[in-house]
Amino acid sequence: MAFEDFGGVILAIIIGTLAAIVYSLRILILMERRMGNIEKHIEGITERILKEEYKIEKKLKIEKKLIRKKKK
């Protein structure tokens, strides 16, 4: 008789544990999506920085060539 009373409690514990696992997986998926978005934004920023660096390097090379021509 004592075990019959615990059947509902045990079932509630199992269902609660499963609900917690599902909720945790949901949170993990949301976090993964956020990280993916952050990575995309970082990639875009780095691409823009690289483009600016190439522009600066080209300008510096042109300036160096002009300085060399003036010295001759």
Protein backbone atom coordinates (compact mmCIF):
# COMPACT_ATOMS: atom_id res chain seq x y z
CA MET A 1 0.00 0.00 0.00
CA ALA A 2 2.84 2.37 0.71
CA PHE A 3 4.25 1.97 -2.79
CA GLU A 4 0.91 2.77 -4.39
CA ASP A 5 0.99 6.25 -2.84
CA PHE A 6 4.43 7.00 -4.30
CA GLY A 7 3.47 6.07 -7.87
CA GLY A 8 2.04 9.50 -8.60
CA VAL A 9 4.99 11.26 -6.98
CA ILE A 10 7.51 9.22 -8.95
CA LEU A 11 5.61 9.88 -12.17
CA ALA A 12 5.57 13.62 -11.40
CA ILE A 13 9.33 13.57 -10.75
CA ILE A 14 10.00 11.79 -14.06
CA ILE A 15 7.78 14.18 -16.01
CA GLY A 16 9.40 17.17 -14.29
CA THR A 17 12.87 15.89 -15.12
CA LEU A 18 11.94 15.36 -18.77
CA ALA A 19 10.44 18.86 -18.93
CA ALA A 20 13.65 20.30 -17.49
CA ILE A 21 15.73 18.46 -20.10
CA VAL A 22 13.54 19.71 -22.94
CA TYR A 23 13.71 23.27 -21.61
CA SER A 24 17.51 23.05 -21.30
CA LEU A 25 17.79 21.84 -24.89
CA ARG A 26 15.61 24.73 -26.02
CA ILE A 27 17.87 27.21 -24.25
CA LEU A 28 20.96 25.58 -25.78
CA ILE A 29 19.49 25.89 -29.27
CA LEU A 30 18.69 29.56 -28.70
CA MET A 31 22.21 30.19 -27.44
CA GLU A 32 23.67 28.42 -30.49
CA ARG A 33 21.62 30.63 -32.80
CA ARG A 34 22.79 33.75 -30.99
CA MET A 35 26.40 32.63 -31.24
CA GLY A 36 25.92 32.01 -34.96
CA ASN A 37 24.58 35.52 -35.43
CA ILE A 38 27.46 36.98 -33.45
CA GLU A 39 29.94 35.05 -35.60
CA LYS A 40 28.31 36.39 -38.78
CA HIS A 41 28.57 39.93 -37.51
CA ILE A 42 32.21 39.45 -36.52
CA GLU A 43 33.01 38.04 -39.96
CA GLY A 44 31.39 41.05 -41.60
CA ILE A 45 33.36 43.45 -39.42
CA THR A 46 36.64 41.67 -40.14
CA GLU A 47 35.95 41.77 -43.88
CA ARG A 48 35.38 45.52 -43.70
CA ILE A 49 38.56 45.98 -41.68
CA LEU A 50 40.54 43.95 -44.23
CA LYS A 51 39.19 46.06 -47.08
CA GLU A 52 40.23 49.24 -45.27
CA GLU A 53 43.68 47.80 -44.55
CA TYR A 54 44.16 46.96 -48.24
CA LYS A 55 43.17 50.49 -49.18
CA ILE A 56 45.67 51.91 -46.70
CA GLU A 57 48.43 49.59 -47.95
CA LYS A 58 47.78 50.65 -51.55
CA LYS A 59 47.95 54.32 -50.57
CA LEU A 60 51.18 53.77 -48.67
CA LYS A 61 52.74 51.96 -51.64
CA ILE A 62 51.74 54.79 -53.96
CA GLU A 63 53.17 57.37 -51.55
CA LYS A 64 56.44 55.43 -51.26
CA LYS A 65 56.74 55.29 -55.05
CA LEU A 66 56.13 59.04 -55.30
CA ILE A 67 58.76 59.76 -52.67
CA ARG A 68 61.29 57.56 -54.47
CA LYS A 69 60.62 59.35 -57.77
CA LYS A 70 61.09 62.76 -56.13
CA LYS A 71 64.46 61.71 -54.70
CA LYS A 72 65.78 60.71 -58.12
